[in-house]
C-alpha cells in the first residue's frame, strides 16, 4: 500500500486513520528528543545538531517508546502528531494532578493565565476538549482522562530517550564489535577489554577472533568497529594506533641440532627448512618477519600451515623449523617443541588497534581514548 494512502492497516488487522500508530510514534520520538535535549523544533531524518550526529529513521520504536503503541489506541491521542512540543502536555498533567489551575501554575512557576492559555492551545491542537469548565472548577472529559492516563508515560519516555541520546552521543552507551588477532589473547588485550566493559557497562562489546587480513576486510566492509592487527598496516581508509610489540622466537623439535641452544642468531637458521603460515593471513607481518631474518634472500620454505598450532605440529614431526611469537609459542608448544629466543636484535611484531576513520562512532571514540589513556 503506498505511503500516501489515507489509511494503513494496524498490527491487529484493522484500518487506522492516516498519521496513526507507527507514524505517530516516529514523530513523537523525534519530538521528544528535540524538546528535552534542547535541539529546538522537531526533526526527522539524519544530520548534525547540538548533540552531534543523529538518525531518527527508525522503522519501529522499541524500549521506552514502545508504550506509544498502547497509548495511541485512543482516537483522541492520534492528533498528538500536531503537538509542537511536550511542554503543553506537561502543563496539562500538572493541572490534572493538582485539580486546580492556581496550584498547578505555582508548581510550574508560571502565571495562571499563561497556564490556562497553554491548556487551551493543547486542546486546539488535539481538536478535543480536555476539561469541562464551570466557573473556577473543572472536570476532565473522557479525552482528558485518556491523556492523563498516558501523559506521564509519554514524558518519562521522552526523558529516557533524551538520556539515551546523550549517552550515545557521549560514547558512554552503545555497541562495539571488536576483532582480536589470533595472538591477541596472549597479551593483556583480553584483560583490558574486560576492564573496559567494567568501566563502561552500557557499551556492549562483542568479540570475534581472526587473522589480520580477515579483520581488515571486516573493517572495510563495516562489519566490525575496531580490530587488533599485527604488522605495519598501510590502508588508506584505516587508522591505526600502536599498542605493543611482540618478540618472535625460533621453534624447533627436540631432535633438531639447535634444540640444545640457549639462544640463536639469524645466521643459525637462514638455510634451515622453514615452516610458516600462509602469507595471505597477514602479509604485513609476514613480510616484516621474512625481511628481518632473511633480508633479500628467500627462505627455504618447505611447508605452509593454516595457524600456529598446525605450524607446531609440522615442526614437531621434523618437517622444518619456524619463527613464531615467543609468548604464544611458549604457551601452546608440544612436549616435543623447544622455543629458543634470538640472542640479539630479535624480530618484533607490532600489535595495533585499527579502525575506519570515517566510521568513528561516539562509543568507538570512547574506546580509543580509553585505550590510549590505559597505554600511557
Protein backbone atom coordinates (compact mmCIF):
# COMPACT_ATOMS: atom_id res chain seq x y z
CA UNK A 1 0.00 0.00 0.00
CA UNK A 2 1.51 3.44 -0.88
CA UNK A 3 2.79 5.64 1.93
CA UNK A 4 0.47 8.43 0.80
CA UNK A 5 -2.62 6.29 1.26
CA UNK A 6 -5.22 7.75 3.60
CA UNK A 7 -5.45 4.51 5.56
CA UNK A 8 -2.98 1.95 6.87
CA UNK A 9 -3.56 -1.49 8.32
CA UNK A 10 -2.74 -1.82 12.02
CA UNK A 11 -0.93 -4.74 13.63
CA UNK A 12 -4.36 -6.08 14.66
CA UNK A 13 -5.64 -6.05 11.08
CA UNK A 14 -7.95 -3.03 11.42
CA UNK A 15 -7.70 0.10 9.31
CA UNK A 16 -6.28 3.06 11.18
CA UNK A 17 -6.55 6.76 10.30
CA UNK A 18 -3.64 8.32 8.45
CA UNK A 19 -0.82 9.51 10.76
CA UNK A 20 -1.83 6.87 13.27
CA UNK A 21 0.25 4.38 15.24
CA UNK A 22 3.64 3.95 13.60
CA UNK A 23 3.98 7.42 12.02
CA UNK A 24 2.88 8.99 15.30
CA UNK A 25 5.41 7.02 17.30
CA UNK A 26 8.16 8.13 14.95
CA UNK A 27 7.15 11.77 15.15
CA UNK A 28 6.74 11.67 18.91
CA UNK A 29 10.18 10.13 19.31
CA UNK A 30 11.68 12.93 17.23
CA UNK A 31 9.59 15.49 19.08
CA UNK A 32 10.70 14.14 22.45
CA UNK A 33 14.38 14.33 21.58
CA UNK A 34 14.06 17.79 20.07
CA UNK A 35 12.21 19.14 23.09
CA UNK A 36 14.02 17.53 26.01
CA UNK A 37 17.55 17.57 24.62
CA UNK A 38 17.08 21.16 23.57
CA UNK A 39 17.68 20.94 19.84
CA UNK A 40 14.67 23.09 19.12
CA UNK A 41 11.86 22.13 16.80
CA UNK A 42 11.01 18.52 15.99
CA UNK A 43 13.03 16.97 13.22
CA UNK A 44 13.20 13.80 11.18
CA UNK A 45 15.88 12.03 9.17
CA UNK A 46 19.57 12.40 9.92
CA UNK A 47 22.14 15.16 10.11
CA UNK A 48 24.03 17.06 12.77
CA UNK A 49 22.72 19.02 15.72
CA UNK A 50 23.77 20.18 19.15
CA UNK A 51 24.16 16.59 20.30
CA UNK A 52 26.26 15.58 17.29
CA UNK A 53 25.22 13.17 14.58
CA UNK A 54 21.72 11.78 14.80
CA UNK A 55 19.46 9.48 12.85
CA UNK A 56 15.79 9.07 13.59
CA UNK A 57 14.69 6.99 10.66
CA UNK A 58 13.82 4.05 12.92
CA UNK A 59 11.41 1.53 11.36
CA UNK A 60 9.67 0.69 14.65
CA UNK A 61 10.26 2.26 18.07
CA UNK A 62 11.37 0.00 20.89
CA UNK A 63 12.21 0.19 24.58
CA UNK A 64 10.89 3.37 26.20
CA UNK A 65 9.00 4.32 23.03
CA UNK A 66 7.10 1.04 22.84
CA UNK A 67 4.29 2.36 25.03
CA UNK A 68 3.19 4.69 22.19
CA UNK A 69 1.57 1.70 20.52
CA UNK A 70 -0.60 1.22 23.57
CA UNK A 71 -1.15 4.93 24.18
CA UNK A 72 -2.46 5.70 20.70
CA UNK A 73 -5.33 3.24 20.95
CA UNK A 74 -7.31 6.39 21.80
CA UNK A 75 -8.55 8.18 18.69
CA UNK A 76 -8.18 11.49 20.52
CA UNK A 77 -4.46 10.99 21.13
CA UNK A 78 -3.82 10.24 17.47
CA UNK A 79 -3.98 14.01 16.99
CA UNK A 80 -0.92 14.45 19.18
CA UNK A 81 1.00 14.37 15.91
CA UNK A 82 0.23 18.09 15.72
CA UNK A 83 1.56 18.97 19.16
CA UNK A 84 4.59 21.23 18.75
CA UNK A 85 6.37 20.05 21.90
CA UNK A 86 5.79 18.24 25.19
CA UNK A 87 5.58 21.35 27.34
CA UNK A 88 1.82 21.67 26.97
CA UNK A 89 1.35 18.00 27.81
CA UNK A 90 3.36 18.61 30.99
CA UNK A 91 1.24 21.65 31.80
CA UNK A 92 -1.99 19.72 31.30
CA UNK A 93 -0.74 16.89 33.51
CA UNK A 94 0.05 19.37 36.31
CA UNK A 95 -3.49 20.78 36.08
CA UNK A 96 -4.99 17.27 36.13
CA UNK A 97 -2.89 16.26 39.13
CA UNK A 98 -3.48 19.40 41.20
CA UNK A 99 -7.13 19.72 40.15
CA UNK A 100 -6.59 23.46 40.34
CA UNK A 101 -5.12 25.94 37.86
CA UNK A 102 -3.65 28.19 40.56
CA UNK A 103 -1.81 25.41 42.39
CA UNK A 104 -0.64 23.92 39.11
CA UNK A 105 0.67 27.33 37.97
CA UNK A 106 2.57 27.73 41.26
CA UNK A 107 4.12 24.26 40.86
CA UNK A 108 5.17 25.10 37.29
CA UNK A 109 6.41 28.57 38.21
CA UNK A 110 4.27 30.31 35.59
CA UNK A 111 1.26 32.59 35.84
CA UNK A 112 -2.23 31.15 35.94
CA UNK A 113 -3.40 32.98 32.76
CA UNK A 114 -0.37 31.64 30.87
CA UNK A 115 -1.15 28.12 32.06
CA UNK A 116 -4.77 28.41 31.04
CA UNK A 117 -3.75 29.63 27.59
CA UNK A 118 -1.35 26.73 27.13
CA UNK A 119 -4.01 24.16 28.05
CA UNK A 120 -6.44 25.76 25.61
CA UNK A 121 -3.74 25.71 22.92
CA UNK A 122 -3.27 21.98 23.56
CA UNK A 123 -7.00 21.43 23.16
CA UNK A 124 -6.94 23.31 19.86
CA UNK A 125 -4.03 21.25 18.61
CA UNK A 126 -5.71 17.99 19.54
CA UNK A 127 -9.10 19.14 18.31
CA UNK A 128 -10.78 17.97 21.50
CA UNK A 129 -11.96 19.37 24.80
CA UNK A 130 -9.85 18.11 27.71
CA UNK A 131 -11.63 19.98 30.51
CA UNK A 132 -15.24 20.89 31.11
CA UNK A 133 -15.04 24.26 32.87
CA UNK A 134 -17.63 25.58 35.28
CA UNK A 135 -16.61 28.87 36.85
CA UNK A 136 -13.35 28.24 38.72
CA UNK A 137 -13.78 24.47 38.78
CA UNK A 138 -13.44 21.90 36.04
CA UNK A 139 -13.70 18.18 35.39
CA UNK A 140 -11.75 16.09 32.92
CA UNK A 141 -13.57 15.00 29.80
CA UNK A 142 -13.13 11.39 28.55
CA UNK A 143 -10.41 12.74 26.25
CA UNK A 144 -8.74 14.43 29.21
CA UNK A 145 -8.88 11.21 31.23
CA UNK A 146 -7.27 9.34 28.33
CA UNK A 147 -4.48 11.91 28.01
CA UNK A 148 -3.80 11.94 31.75
CA UNK A 149 -3.52 8.12 31.71
CA UNK A 150 -0.75 8.18 29.14
CA UNK A 151 0.86 11.58 29.63
CA UNK A 152 3.31 10.59 32.37
CA UNK A 153 4.48 7.63 30.33
CA UNK A 154 4.99 9.95 27.40
CA UNK A 155 7.03 12.40 29.49
CA UNK A 156 9.03 9.60 31.15
CA UNK A 157 9.81 8.08 27.75
CA UNK A 158 10.87 11.47 26.42
CA UNK A 159 13.26 11.89 29.36
CA UNK A 160 14.60 8.36 28.91
CA UNK A 161 15.02 8.94 25.19
CA UNK A 162 16.94 12.14 25.91
CA UNK A 163 19.21 10.27 28.34
CA UNK A 164 19.77 7.57 25.72
CA UNK A 165 20.64 10.16 23.06
CA UNK A 166 23.04 11.97 25.36
CA UNK A 167 24.67 8.72 26.46
CA UNK A 168 25.19 7.58 22.90
CA UNK A 169 26.44 10.98 21.83
CA UNK A 170 28.95 10.99 24.70
CA UNK A 171 30.06 7.43 23.99
CA UNK A 172 29.00 6.02 27.36
CA UNK A 173 26.36 3.79 25.77
CA UNK A 174 26.33 1.89 22.51
CA UNK A 175 27.69 -1.20 20.81
CA UNK A 176 31.19 -2.16 19.73
CA UNK A 177 32.15 -5.11 17.56
CA UNK A 178 35.77 -5.99 18.16
CA UNK A 179 38.01 -8.48 16.30
CA UNK A 180 41.04 -9.96 18.05
CA UNK A 181 44.08 -11.08 16.12
CA UNK A 182 44.84 -14.77 16.58
CA UNK A 183 47.61 -13.99 19.06
CA UNK A 184 45.76 -11.16 20.79
CA UNK A 185 44.68 -13.31 23.72
CA UNK A 186 48.38 -13.92 24.54
CA UNK A 187 48.94 -10.31 25.52
CA UNK A 188 46.99 -8.22 28.01
CA UNK A 189 44.39 -7.33 25.39
CA UNK A 190 41.68 -9.62 26.78
CA UNK A 191 42.28 -8.30 30.28
CA UNK A 192 41.97 -4.73 29.07
CA UNK A 193 38.74 -5.49 27.23
CA UNK A 194 37.30 -6.83 30.49
CA UNK A 195 38.43 -3.66 32.27
CA UNK A 196 36.74 -1.52 29.61
CA UNK A 197 33.50 -3.47 29.95
CA UNK A 198 33.59 -2.94 33.71
CA UNK A 199 34.16 0.81 33.38
CA UNK A 200 31.54 1.23 30.62
CA UNK A 201 28.83 -1.34 31.38
CA UNK A 202 26.36 0.34 28.99
CA UNK A 203 28.62 -0.25 25.99
CA UNK A 204 28.04 -3.76 24.70
CA UNK A 205 31.32 -5.22 23.44
CA UNK A 206 31.08 -8.32 21.23
CA UNK A 207 34.27 -10.03 20.08
CA UNK A 208 35.49 -12.40 17.39
CA UNK A 209 38.96 -13.68 16.54
CA UNK A 210 40.60 -13.85 13.13
CA UNK A 211 43.69 -13.33 11.05
CA UNK A 212 44.87 -9.78 10.43
CA UNK A 213 43.84 -9.75 6.76
CA UNK A 214 40.36 -11.04 7.61
CA UNK A 215 39.98 -8.45 10.36
CA UNK A 216 40.93 -5.68 7.94
CA UNK A 217 38.39 -6.94 5.41
CA UNK A 218 35.69 -6.85 8.10
CA UNK A 219 36.69 -3.30 8.98
CA UNK A 220 36.47 -2.08 5.41
CA UNK A 221 33.07 -3.74 4.93
CA UNK A 222 31.73 -2.12 8.12
CA UNK A 223 31.01 -5.45 9.83
CA UNK A 224 33.16 -4.58 12.85
CA UNK A 225 34.12 -1.31 14.54
CA UNK A 226 37.69 -1.95 15.63
CA UNK A 227 40.29 -4.70 15.19
CA UNK A 228 43.57 -5.77 16.69
CA UNK A 229 46.05 -6.44 13.89
CA UNK A 230 49.72 -7.36 13.54
CA UNK A 231 52.25 -5.53 11.42
CA UNK A 232 52.58 -2.05 9.97
CA UNK A 233 49.25 -1.57 8.23
CA UNK A 234 49.10 0.90 5.33
CA UNK A 235 45.48 1.05 4.17
CA UNK A 236 44.26 4.49 3.01
CA UNK A 237 40.94 4.30 4.88
CA UNK A 238 42.19 2.58 8.02
CA UNK A 239 43.69 4.37 11.01
CA UNK A 240 45.94 2.52 13.46
CA UNK A 241 47.37 3.03 16.92
CA UNK A 242 50.39 1.08 18.19
CA UNK A 243 49.61 -0.70 21.46
CA UNK A 244 52.54 -3.08 21.86
CA UNK A 245 55.33 -5.17 20.40
CA UNK A 246 55.67 -8.95 20.49
CA UNK A 247 59.05 -10.65 20.27
CA UNK A 248 59.49 -13.60 17.92
CA UNK A 249 61.49 -16.76 18.68
CA UNK A 250 62.65 -19.87 16.86
CA UNK A 251 60.76 -23.14 17.41
CA UNK A 252 62.40 -26.49 16.69
CA UNK A 253 61.75 -30.13 17.54
CA UNK A 254 63.71 -31.63 20.43
CA UNK A 255 65.56 -33.82 17.93
CA UNK A 256 66.86 -30.83 15.97
CA UNK A 257 70.56 -29.88 16.37
CA UNK A 258 69.57 -26.40 17.61
CA UNK A 259 67.40 -27.80 20.40
CA UNK A 260 70.18 -27.60 22.97
CA UNK A 261 70.99 -23.96 22.27
CA UNK A 262 70.04 -21.24 24.76
CA UNK A 263 69.82 -18.62 22.02
CA UNK A 264 70.23 -18.39 18.25
CA UNK A 265 71.23 -15.81 15.66
CA UNK A 266 69.73 -15.16 12.24
CA UNK A 267 72.70 -16.90 10.64
CA UNK A 268 71.90 -20.12 12.53
CA UNK A 269 68.56 -20.54 10.77
CA UNK A 270 68.94 -18.76 7.45
CA UNK A 271 69.48 -22.00 5.46
CA UNK A 272 67.18 -24.21 7.54
CA UNK A 273 63.96 -25.67 6.06
CA UNK A 274 61.21 -23.35 7.26
CA UNK A 275 57.54 -23.92 8.14
CA UNK A 276 55.41 -20.78 8.16
CA UNK A 277 51.76 -19.79 8.00
CA UNK A 278 50.12 -18.63 4.77
CA UNK A 279 51.20 -15.13 3.82
CA UNK A 280 47.67 -14.06 2.88
CA UNK A 281 46.57 -14.28 6.52
CA UNK A 282 48.79 -11.32 7.43
CA UNK A 283 51.05 -10.12 4.63
CA UNK A 284 52.44 -7.11 6.51
CA UNK A 285 53.57 -9.17 9.49
CA UNK A 286 54.81 -11.99 7.25
CA UNK A 287 56.91 -9.67 5.09
CA UNK A 288 58.37 -7.84 8.11
CA UNK A 289 59.46 -11.13 9.66
CA UNK A 290 60.96 -12.55 6.45
CA UNK A 291 62.82 -9.32 5.68
CA UNK A 292 64.18 -9.08 9.22
CA UNK A 293 65.67 -12.59 9.17
CA UNK A 294 66.42 -13.36 5.53
CA UNK A 295 66.83 -9.86 4.07
CA UNK A 296 66.83 -10.07 0.28
CA UNK A 297 67.08 -13.85 0.33
CA UNK A 298 64.15 -16.20 0.01
CA UNK A 299 63.59 -18.54 2.97
CA UNK A 300 63.81 -22.28 2.33
CA UNK A 301 60.05 -22.68 2.73
CA UNK A 302 59.06 -26.36 2.90
CA UNK A 303 55.51 -26.06 4.25
CA UNK A 304 52.74 -23.52 4.88
CA UNK A 305 50.19 -24.22 7.59
CA UNK A 306 46.86 -22.61 8.50
CA UNK A 307 47.76 -21.43 12.01
CA UNK A 308 50.37 -21.56 14.77
CA UNK A 309 49.06 -24.85 16.16
CA UNK A 310 49.47 -26.53 12.78
CA UNK A 311 52.92 -24.98 12.37
CA UNK A 312 53.99 -26.52 15.68
CA UNK A 313 52.57 -29.91 14.67
CA UNK A 314 54.63 -29.77 11.49
CA UNK A 315 57.77 -28.69 13.38
CA UNK A 316 57.36 -31.45 15.97
CA UNK A 317 57.42 -34.11 13.24
CA UNK A 318 60.68 -32.77 11.83
CA UNK A 319 59.32 -31.08 8.69
CA UNK A 320 61.34 -27.95 9.45
CA UNK A 321 61.76 -25.16 11.99
CA UNK A 322 59.72 -21.98 12.36
CA UNK A 323 59.67 -18.49 13.82
CA UNK A 324 56.61 -17.57 15.88
CA UNK A 325 55.50 -15.10 18.50
CA UNK A 326 57.54 -16.18 21.51
CA UNK A 327 54.86 -15.80 24.13
CA UNK A 328 52.22 -17.64 22.15
CA UNK A 329 54.61 -20.39 21.06
CA UNK A 330 55.70 -20.97 24.67
CA UNK A 331 52.10 -21.24 25.79
CA UNK A 332 50.91 -23.73 23.16
CA UNK A 333 54.15 -25.68 22.49
CA UNK A 334 54.07 -29.50 22.49
CA UNK A 335 56.37 -31.58 24.65
CA UNK A 336 58.49 -32.19 21.56
CA UNK A 337 58.98 -28.47 20.86
CA UNK A 338 61.76 -26.15 22.01
CA UNK A 339 61.27 -22.38 21.92
CA UNK A 340 64.62 -20.60 21.51
CA UNK A 341 64.94 -16.79 21.76
CA UNK A 342 67.19 -14.77 19.47
CA UNK A 343 70.48 -13.69 21.06
CA UNK A 344 70.36 -10.16 19.64
CA UNK A 345 68.05 -7.99 17.58
CA UNK A 346 65.05 -10.34 17.72
CA UNK A 347 62.20 -9.76 15.27
CA UNK A 348 59.46 -7.73 16.92
CA UNK A 349 55.90 -7.74 15.69
CA UNK A 350 53.74 -4.69 16.26
CA UNK A 351 50.21 -5.04 17.64
CA UNK A 352 47.88 -2.23 16.64
CA UNK A 353 44.35 -1.03 17.03
CA UNK A 354 42.77 -0.45 13.63
CA UNK A 355 39.53 1.31 12.68
CA UNK A 356 37.91 3.15 9.80
CA UNK A 357 38.39 6.88 10.27
CA UNK A 358 35.08 7.85 8.67
CA UNK A 359 33.15 5.26 10.70
CA UNK A 360 34.13 6.53 14.15
CA UNK A 361 31.12 6.44 16.46
CA UNK A 362 30.96 8.04 19.93
CA UNK A 363 31.34 4.59 21.53
CA UNK A 364 34.38 3.85 19.37
CA UNK A 365 35.88 7.26 20.17
CA UNK A 366 35.39 6.50 23.86
CA UNK A 367 37.08 3.12 23.42
CA UNK A 368 40.06 4.58 21.55
CA UNK A 369 40.53 7.38 24.08
CA UNK A 370 40.28 4.91 26.96
CA UNK A 371 42.85 2.61 25.35
CA UNK A 372 45.29 5.46 24.80
CA UNK A 373 44.94 6.51 28.44
CA UNK A 374 45.49 2.94 29.58
CA UNK A 375 48.61 2.69 27.41
CA UNK A 376 50.20 5.87 28.79
